[in-house]
């Protein structure tokens, strides 16, 4: 079963689960959950992102296209395979 199918089954289950079941699932996963908005509240992290964007915009750091990144990864894989 694909991850997408599993997610759909979980969504469907949670939508109809009673309060006790929802609380049990939450208790089971609570320690592993990271809220998506947490990073936006981390001032140091946001400042780092802002600085990276600034450096890119003024030309200090360069960006890479997806094709460049993919080519670089493939080159690294090729080198490792040769060892």
PDB file of N, CA and C in Angstrom:
ATOM      1  N   UNK A   1       0.851  -1.175   0.000  1.00  0.00           N
ATOM      2  CA  UNK A   1       0.000   0.000   0.000  1.00  0.00           C
ATOM      3  C   UNK A   1       0.898   1.240   0.000  1.00  0.00           C
ATOM      4  N   UNK A   2       0.551   2.209  -0.810  1.00  0.00           N
ATOM      5  CA  UNK A   2       1.367   3.419  -0.903  1.00  0.00           C
ATOM      6  C   UNK A   2       1.151   4.308   0.314  1.00  0.00           C
ATOM      7  N   UNK A   3       2.086   5.204   0.543  1.00  0.00           N
ATOM      8  CA  UNK A   3       1.962   6.154   1.644  1.00  0.00           C
ATOM      9  C   UNK A   3       0.722   7.022   1.458  1.00  0.00           C
ATOM     10  N   UNK A   4       0.448   7.403   0.239  1.00  0.00           N
ATOM     11  CA  UNK A   4      -0.735   8.222  -0.037  1.00  0.00           C
ATOM     12  C   UNK A   4      -2.006   7.476   0.351  1.00  0.00           C
ATOM     13  N   UNK A   5      -2.075   6.216   0.017  1.00  0.00           N
ATOM     14  CA  UNK A   5      -3.252   5.414   0.368  1.00  0.00           C
ATOM     15  C   UNK A   5      -3.386   5.282   1.880  1.00  0.00           C
ATOM     16  N   UNK A   6      -2.273   5.087   2.571  1.00  0.00           N
ATOM     17  CA  UNK A   6      -2.294   4.981   4.034  1.00  0.00           C
ATOM     18  C   UNK A   6      -2.789   6.290   4.639  1.00  0.00           C
ATOM     19  N   UNK A   7      -2.283   7.426   4.137  1.00  0.00           N
ATOM     20  CA  UNK A   7      -2.735   8.728   4.648  1.00  0.00           C
ATOM     21  C   UNK A   7      -4.244   8.887   4.486  1.00  0.00           C
ATOM     22  N   UNK A   8      -4.745   8.522   3.319  1.00  0.00           N
ATOM     23  CA  UNK A   8      -6.181   8.635   3.061  1.00  0.00           C
ATOM     24  C   UNK A   8      -6.981   7.779   4.036  1.00  0.00           C
ATOM     25  N   UNK A   9      -6.513   6.556   4.288  1.00  0.00           N
ATOM     26  CA  UNK A   9      -7.212   5.680   5.227  1.00  0.00           C
ATOM     27  C   UNK A   9      -7.184   6.273   6.637  1.00  0.00           C
ATOM     28  N   UNK A  10      -6.041   6.837   7.025  1.00  0.00           N
ATOM     29  CA  UNK A  10      -5.953   7.464   8.347  1.00  0.00           C
ATOM     30  C   UNK A  10      -6.858   8.681   8.452  1.00  0.00           C
ATOM     31  N   UNK A  11      -6.872   9.534   7.413  1.00  0.00           N
ATOM     32  CA  UNK A  11      -7.766  10.687   7.409  1.00  0.00           C
ATOM     33  C   UNK A  11      -9.208  10.243   7.570  1.00  0.00           C
ATOM     34  N   UNK A  12      -9.594   9.237   6.786  1.00  0.00           N
ATOM     35  CA  UNK A  12     -10.970   8.745   6.846  1.00  0.00           C
ATOM     36  C   UNK A  12     -11.296   8.198   8.226  1.00  0.00           C
ATOM     37  N   UNK A  13     -10.368   7.457   8.817  1.00  0.00           N
ATOM     38  CA  UNK A  13     -10.600   6.874  10.136  1.00  0.00           C
ATOM     39  C   UNK A  13     -10.754   7.961  11.196  1.00  0.00           C
ATOM     40  N   UNK A  14      -9.845   8.939  11.183  1.00  0.00           N
ATOM     41  CA  UNK A  14      -9.874   9.988  12.204  1.00  0.00           C
ATOM     42  C   UNK A  14     -11.135  10.836  12.096  1.00  0.00           C
ATOM     43  N   UNK A  15     -11.630  11.037  10.887  1.00  0.00           N
ATOM     44  CA  UNK A  15     -12.854  11.821  10.700  1.00  0.00           C
ATOM     45  C   UNK A  15     -14.055  11.209  11.417  1.00  0.00           C
ATOM     46  N   UNK A  16     -14.091   9.875  11.511  1.00  0.00           N
ATOM     47  CA  UNK A  16     -15.258   9.217  12.107  1.00  0.00           C
ATOM     48  C   UNK A  16     -14.970   8.599  13.471  1.00  0.00           C
ATOM     49  N   UNK A  17     -13.725   8.643  13.910  1.00  0.00           N
ATOM     50  CA  UNK A  17     -13.362   8.049  15.196  1.00  0.00           C
ATOM     51  C   UNK A  17     -14.013   8.823  16.343  1.00  0.00           C
ATOM     52  N   UNK A  18     -14.317   8.096  17.422  1.00  0.00           N
ATOM     53  CA  UNK A  18     -14.893   8.788  18.584  1.00  0.00           C
ATOM     54  C   UNK A  18     -13.789   9.510  19.355  1.00  0.00           C
ATOM     55  N   UNK A  19     -14.174  10.328  20.298  1.00  0.00           N
ATOM     56  CA  UNK A  19     -13.218  11.159  21.049  1.00  0.00           C
ATOM     57  C   UNK A  19     -12.127  10.329  21.717  1.00  0.00           C
ATOM     58  N   UNK A  20     -12.511   9.200  22.303  1.00  0.00           N
ATOM     59  CA  UNK A  20     -11.544   8.350  23.000  1.00  0.00           C
ATOM     60  C   UNK A  20     -10.472   7.843  22.034  1.00  0.00           C
ATOM     61  N   UNK A  21     -10.867   7.403  20.855  1.00  0.00           N
ATOM     62  CA  UNK A  21      -9.917   6.900  19.861  1.00  0.00           C
ATOM     63  C   UNK A  21      -8.989   8.007  19.361  1.00  0.00           C
ATOM     64  N   UNK A  22      -9.538   9.195  19.110  1.00  0.00           N
ATOM     65  CA  UNK A  22      -8.723  10.325  18.643  1.00  0.00           C
ATOM     66  C   UNK A  22      -7.681  10.696  19.690  1.00  0.00           C
ATOM     67  N   UNK A  23      -8.111  10.727  20.971  1.00  0.00           N
ATOM     68  CA  UNK A  23      -7.175  11.060  22.050  1.00  0.00           C
ATOM     69  C   UNK A  23      -6.086  10.001  22.186  1.00  0.00           C
ATOM     70  N   UNK A  24      -6.433   8.732  21.985  1.00  0.00           N
ATOM     71  CA  UNK A  24      -5.443   7.653  22.072  1.00  0.00           C
ATOM     72  C   UNK A  24      -4.419   7.765  20.942  1.00  0.00           C
ATOM     73  N   UNK A  25      -4.890   8.056  19.738  1.00  0.00           N
ATOM     74  CA  UNK A  25      -3.973   8.227  18.597  1.00  0.00           C
ATOM     75  C   UNK A  25      -3.055   9.414  18.848  1.00  0.00           C
ATOM     76  N   UNK A  26      -3.623  10.500  19.336  1.00  0.00           N
ATOM     77  CA  UNK A  26      -2.828  11.697  19.613  1.00  0.00           C
ATOM     78  C   UNK A  26      -1.767  11.410  20.676  1.00  0.00           C
ATOM     79  N   UNK A  27      -2.152  10.720  21.745  1.00  0.00           N
ATOM     80  CA  UNK A  27      -1.207  10.398  22.818  1.00  0.00           C
ATOM     81  C   UNK A  27      -0.065   9.536  22.287  1.00  0.00           C
ATOM     82  N   UNK A  28      -0.387   8.643  21.373  1.00  0.00           N
ATOM     83  CA  UNK A  28       0.622   7.763  20.789  1.00  0.00           C
ATOM     84  C   UNK A  28       1.640   8.541  19.960  1.00  0.00           C
ATOM     85  N   UNK A  29       1.178   9.559  19.251  1.00  0.00           N
ATOM     86  CA  UNK A  29       2.037  10.289  18.313  1.00  0.00           C
ATOM     87  C   UNK A  29       2.527  11.643  18.815  1.00  0.00           C
ATOM     88  N   UNK A  30       2.008  12.110  19.915  1.00  0.00           N
ATOM     89  CA  UNK A  30       2.285  13.473  20.386  1.00  0.00           C
ATOM     90  C   UNK A  30       3.762  13.831  20.429  1.00  0.00           C
ATOM     91  N   UNK A  31       4.605  12.963  20.929  1.00  0.00           N
ATOM     92  CA  UNK A  31       6.024  13.257  21.049  1.00  0.00           C
ATOM     93  C   UNK A  31       6.750  13.348  19.719  1.00  0.00           C
ATOM     94  N   UNK A  32       6.166  12.784  18.668  1.00  0.00           N
ATOM     95  CA  UNK A  32       6.797  12.779  17.356  1.00  0.00           C
ATOM     96  C   UNK A  32       6.272  13.871  16.443  1.00  0.00           C
ATOM     97  N   UNK A  33       5.233  14.552  16.867  1.00  0.00           N
ATOM     98  CA  UNK A  33       4.597  15.540  16.006  1.00  0.00           C
ATOM     99  C   UNK A  33       5.345  16.867  16.051  1.00  0.00           C
ATOM    100  N   UNK A  34       5.557  17.437  14.886  1.00  0.00           N
ATOM    101  CA  UNK A  34       6.146  18.759  14.768  1.00  0.00           C
ATOM    102  C   UNK A  34       5.143  19.587  13.979  1.00  0.00           C
ATOM    103  N   UNK A  35       4.651  20.627  14.606  1.00  0.00           N
ATOM    104  CA  UNK A  35       3.668  21.452  13.917  1.00  0.00           C
ATOM    105  C   UNK A  35       4.321  22.192  12.762  1.00  0.00           C
ATOM    106  N   UNK A  36       3.638  22.267  11.653  1.00  0.00           N
ATOM    107  CA  UNK A  36       4.184  22.896  10.452  1.00  0.00           C
ATOM    108  C   UNK A  36       4.533  24.360  10.685  1.00  0.00           C
ATOM    109  N   UNK A  37       3.814  25.027  11.544  1.00  0.00           N
ATOM    110  CA  UNK A  37       4.042  26.455  11.766  1.00  0.00           C
ATOM    111  C   UNK A  37       5.170  26.726  12.760  1.00  0.00           C
ATOM    112  N   UNK A  38       5.700  25.709  13.428  1.00  0.00           N
ATOM    113  CA  UNK A  38       6.741  25.918  14.436  1.00  0.00           C
ATOM    114  C   UNK A  38       7.945  26.663  13.880  1.00  0.00           C
ATOM    115  N   UNK A  39       8.377  26.349  12.681  1.00  0.00           N
ATOM    116  CA  UNK A  39       9.572  26.987  12.131  1.00  0.00           C
ATOM    117  C   UNK A  39       9.360  28.482  11.966  1.00  0.00           C
ATOM    118  N   UNK A  40       8.148  28.916  11.666  1.00  0.00           N
ATOM    119  CA  UNK A  40       7.878  30.336  11.452  1.00  0.00           C
ATOM    120  C   UNK A  40       7.949  31.131  12.750  1.00  0.00           C
ATOM    121  N   UNK A  41       7.839  30.459  13.865  1.00  0.00           N
ATOM    122  CA  UNK A  41       7.909  31.128  15.165  1.00  0.00           C
ATOM    123  C   UNK A  41       9.335  31.177  15.710  1.00  0.00           C
ATOM    124  N   UNK A  42      10.249  30.472  15.071  1.00  0.00           N
ATOM    125  CA  UNK A  42      11.646  30.444  15.503  1.00  0.00           C
ATOM    126  C   UNK A  42      12.369  31.636  14.868  1.00  0.00           C
ATOM    127  N   UNK A  43      12.551  32.689  15.646  1.00  0.00           N
ATOM    128  CA  UNK A  43      13.127  33.932  15.119  1.00  0.00           C
ATOM    129  C   UNK A  43      14.521  33.726  14.543  1.00  0.00           C
ATOM    130  N   UNK A  44      15.321  32.895  15.174  1.00  0.00           N
ATOM    131  CA  UNK A  44      16.688  32.648  14.692  1.00  0.00           C
ATOM    132  C   UNK A  44      16.654  31.945  13.338  1.00  0.00           C
ATOM    133  N   UNK A  45      15.770  30.974  13.195  1.00  0.00           N
ATOM    134  CA  UNK A  45      15.651  30.239  11.928  1.00  0.00           C
ATOM    135  C   UNK A  45      15.156  31.160  10.816  1.00  0.00           C
ATOM    136  N   UNK A  46      14.149  31.961  11.114  1.00  0.00           N
ATOM    137  CA  UNK A  46      13.607  32.894  10.118  1.00  0.00           C
ATOM    138  C   UNK A  46      14.667  33.914   9.718  1.00  0.00           C
ATOM    139  N   UNK A  47      15.455  34.388  10.684  1.00  0.00           N
ATOM    140  CA  UNK A  47      16.525  35.331  10.382  1.00  0.00           C
ATOM    141  C   UNK A  47      17.564  34.690   9.458  1.00  0.00           C
ATOM    142  N   UNK A  48      17.872  33.424   9.695  1.00  0.00           N
ATOM    143  CA  UNK A  48      18.818  32.705   8.836  1.00  0.00           C
ATOM    144  C   UNK A  48      18.267  32.582   7.415  1.00  0.00           C
ATOM    145  N   UNK A  49      16.999  32.242   7.280  1.00  0.00           N
ATOM    146  CA  UNK A  49      16.388  32.162   5.954  1.00  0.00           C
ATOM    147  C   UNK A  49      16.426  33.515   5.249  1.00  0.00           C
ATOM    148  N   UNK A  50      16.087  34.575   5.996  1.00  0.00           N
ATOM    149  CA  UNK A  50      16.119  35.924   5.424  1.00  0.00           C
ATOM    150  C   UNK A  50      17.520  36.286   4.937  1.00  0.00           C
ATOM    151  N   UNK A  51      18.525  35.931   5.724  1.00  0.00           N
ATOM    152  CA  UNK A  51      19.911  36.227   5.347  1.00  0.00           C
ATOM    153  C   UNK A  51      20.308  35.449   4.095  1.00  0.00           C
ATOM    154  N   UNK A  52      19.893  34.208   4.007  1.00  0.00           N
ATOM    155  CA  UNK A  52      20.219  33.413   2.817  1.00  0.00           C
ATOM    156  C   UNK A  52      19.557  33.987   1.573  1.00  0.00           C
ATOM    157  N   UNK A  53      18.318  34.431   1.696  1.00  0.00           N
ATOM    158  CA  UNK A  53      17.624  35.052   0.562  1.00  0.00           C
ATOM    159  C   UNK A  53      18.345  36.329   0.157  1.00  0.00           C
ATOM    160  N   UNK A  54      18.726  37.139   1.146  1.00  0.00           N
ATOM    161  CA  UNK A  54      19.431  38.387   0.860  1.00  0.00           C
ATOM    162  C   UNK A  54      20.730  38.113   0.117  1.00  0.00           C
ATOM    163  N   UNK A  55      21.501  37.125   0.594  1.00  0.00           N
ATOM    164  CA  UNK A  55      22.776  36.790  -0.045  1.00  0.00           C
ATOM    165  C   UNK A  55      22.561  36.316  -1.481  1.00  0.00           C
ATOM    166  N   UNK A  56      21.502  35.581  -1.717  1.00  0.00           N
ATOM    167  CA  UNK A  56      21.188  35.128  -3.073  1.00  0.00           C
ATOM    168  C   UNK A  56      20.803  36.311  -3.957  1.00  0.00           C
ATOM    169  N   UNK A  57      19.972  37.185  -3.426  1.00  0.00           N
ATOM    170  CA  UNK A  57      19.473  38.318  -4.218  1.00  0.00           C
ATOM    171  C   UNK A  57      20.576  39.302  -4.616  1.00  0.00           C
ATOM    172  N   UNK A  58      21.578  39.478  -3.751  1.00  0.00           N
ATOM    173  CA  UNK A  58      22.652  40.417  -4.081  1.00  0.00           C
ATOM    174  C   UNK A  58      23.814  39.739  -4.809  1.00  0.00           C
ATOM    175  N   UNK A  59      23.715  38.423  -5.029  1.00  0.00           N
ATOM    176  CA  UNK A  59      24.721  37.727  -5.816  1.00  0.00           C
ATOM    177  C   UNK A  59      25.887  37.158  -5.040  1.00  0.00           C
ATOM    178  N   UNK A  60      25.834  37.173  -3.720  1.00  0.00           N
ATOM    179  CA  UNK A  60      26.915  36.586  -2.918  1.00  0.00           C
ATOM    180  C   UNK A  60      26.882  35.066  -3.043  1.00  0.00           C
ATOM    181  N   UNK A  61      25.712  34.502  -2.918  1.00  0.00           N
ATOM    182  CA  UNK A  61      25.526  33.055  -3.058  1.00  0.00           C
ATOM    183  C   UNK A  61      24.741  32.793  -4.334  1.00  0.00           C
ATOM    184  N   UNK A  62      25.030  31.681  -4.966  1.00  0.00           N
ATOM    185  CA  UNK A  62      24.293  31.360  -6.177  1.00  0.00           C
ATOM    186  C   UNK A  62      23.275  30.273  -5.891  1.00  0.00           C
ATOM    187  N   UNK A  63      22.295  30.199  -6.745  1.00  0.00           N
ATOM    188  CA  UNK A  63      21.304  29.139  -6.660  1.00  0.00           C
ATOM    189  C   UNK A  63      21.611  28.081  -7.700  1.00  0.00           C
ATOM    190  N   UNK A  64      20.914  26.996  -7.622  1.00  0.00           N
ATOM    191  CA  UNK A  64      21.088  25.903  -8.569  1.00  0.00           C
ATOM    192  C   UNK A  64      19.733  25.525  -9.138  1.00  0.00           C
ATOM    193  N   UNK A  65      19.700  25.225 -10.421  1.00  0.00           N
ATOM    194  CA  UNK A  65      18.474  24.740 -11.024  1.00  0.00           C
ATOM    195  C   UNK A  65      18.291  23.286 -10.634  1.00  0.00           C
ATOM    196  N   UNK A  66      17.092  22.788 -10.803  1.00  0.00           N
ATOM    197  CA  UNK A  66      16.832  21.384 -10.514  1.00  0.00           C
ATOM    198  C   UNK A  66      17.721  20.494 -11.378  1.00  0.00           C
ATOM    199  N   UNK A  67      17.876  20.850 -12.650  1.00  0.00           N
ATOM    200  CA  UNK A  67      18.711  20.058 -13.553  1.00  0.00           C
ATOM    201  C   UNK A  67      20.163  20.022 -13.085  1.00  0.00           C
ATOM    202  N   UNK A  68      20.680  21.173 -12.617  1.00  0.00           N
ATOM    203  CA  UNK A  68      22.058  21.209 -12.103  1.00  0.00           C
ATOM    204  C   UNK A  68      22.197  20.332 -10.861  1.00  0.00           C
ATOM    205  N   UNK A  69      21.244  20.408  -9.991  1.00  0.00           N
ATOM    206  CA  UNK A  69      21.276  19.615  -8.773  1.00  0.00           C
ATOM    207  C   UNK A  69      21.207  18.124  -9.096  1.00  0.00           C
ATOM    208  N   UNK A  70      20.319  17.759  -9.990  1.00  0.00           N
ATOM    209  CA  UNK A  70      20.180  16.365 -10.386  1.00  0.00           C
ATOM    210  C   UNK A  70      21.460  15.832 -11.031  1.00  0.00           C
ATOM    211  N   UNK A  71      22.084  16.644 -11.886  1.00  0.00           N
ATOM    212  CA  UNK A  71      23.336  16.253 -12.529  1.00  0.00           C
ATOM    213  C   UNK A  71      24.440  16.058 -11.495  1.00  0.00           C
ATOM    214  N   UNK A  72      24.491  16.932 -10.506  1.00  0.00           N
ATOM    215  CA  UNK A  72      25.496  16.831  -9.451  1.00  0.00           C
ATOM    216  C   UNK A  72      25.305  15.553  -8.637  1.00  0.00           C
ATOM    217  N   UNK A  73      24.063  15.246  -8.303  1.00  0.00           N
ATOM    218  CA  UNK A  73      23.770  14.026  -7.547  1.00  0.00           C
ATOM    219  C   UNK A  73      24.143  12.796  -8.357  1.00  0.00           C
ATOM    220  N   UNK A  74      23.794  12.798  -9.625  1.00  0.00           N
ATOM    221  CA  UNK A  74      24.131  11.660 -10.482  1.00  0.00           C
ATOM    222  C   UNK A  74      25.636  11.477 -10.601  1.00  0.00           C
ATOM    223  N   UNK A  75      26.376  12.568 -10.668  1.00  0.00           N
ATOM    224  CA  UNK A  75      27.840  12.511 -10.750  1.00  0.00           C
ATOM    225  C   UNK A  75      28.403  11.896  -9.459  1.00  0.00           C
ATOM    226  N   UNK A  76      27.890  12.299  -8.307  1.00  0.00           N
ATOM    227  CA  UNK A  76      28.334  11.744  -7.046  1.00  0.00           C
ATOM    228  C   UNK A  76      28.028  10.257  -6.959  1.00  0.00           C
ATOM    229  N   UNK A  77      26.841   9.865  -7.404  1.00  0.00           N
ATOM    230  CA  UNK A  77      26.486   8.443  -7.411  1.00  0.00           C
ATOM    231  C   UNK A  77      27.437   7.650  -8.311  1.00  0.00           C
ATOM    232  N   UNK A  78      27.758   8.218  -9.445  1.00  0.00           N
ATOM    233  CA  UNK A  78      28.662   7.561 -10.395  1.00  0.00           C
ATOM    234  C   UNK A  78      30.047   7.354  -9.765  1.00  0.00           C
ATOM    235  N   UNK A  79      30.556   8.393  -9.093  1.00  0.00           N
ATOM    236  CA  UNK A  79      31.862   8.300  -8.444  1.00  0.00           C
ATOM    237  C   UNK A  79      31.865   7.240  -7.352  1.00  0.00           C
ATOM    238  N   UNK A  80      30.786   7.172  -6.572  1.00  0.00           N
ATOM    239  CA  UNK A  80      30.709   6.171  -5.501  1.00  0.00           C
ATOM    240  C   UNK A  80      30.648   4.762  -6.059  1.00  0.00           C
ATOM    241  N   UNK A  81      29.965   4.601  -7.175  1.00  0.00           N
ATOM    242  CA  UNK A  81      29.837   3.283  -7.799  1.00  0.00           C
ATOM    243  C   UNK A  81      31.163   2.795  -8.349  1.00  0.00           C
ATOM    244  N   UNK A  82      32.038   3.723  -8.728  1.00  0.00           N
ATOM    245  CA  UNK A  82      33.345   3.368  -9.284  1.00  0.00           C
ATOM    246  C   UNK A  82      34.314   2.884  -8.222  1.00  0.00           C
ATOM    247  N   UNK A  83      34.056   3.186  -6.968  1.00  0.00           N
ATOM    248  CA  UNK A  83      34.974   2.801  -5.883  1.00  0.00           C
ATOM    249  C   UNK A  83      34.938   1.354  -5.570  1.00  0.00           C
TER     250      UNK A  83
END
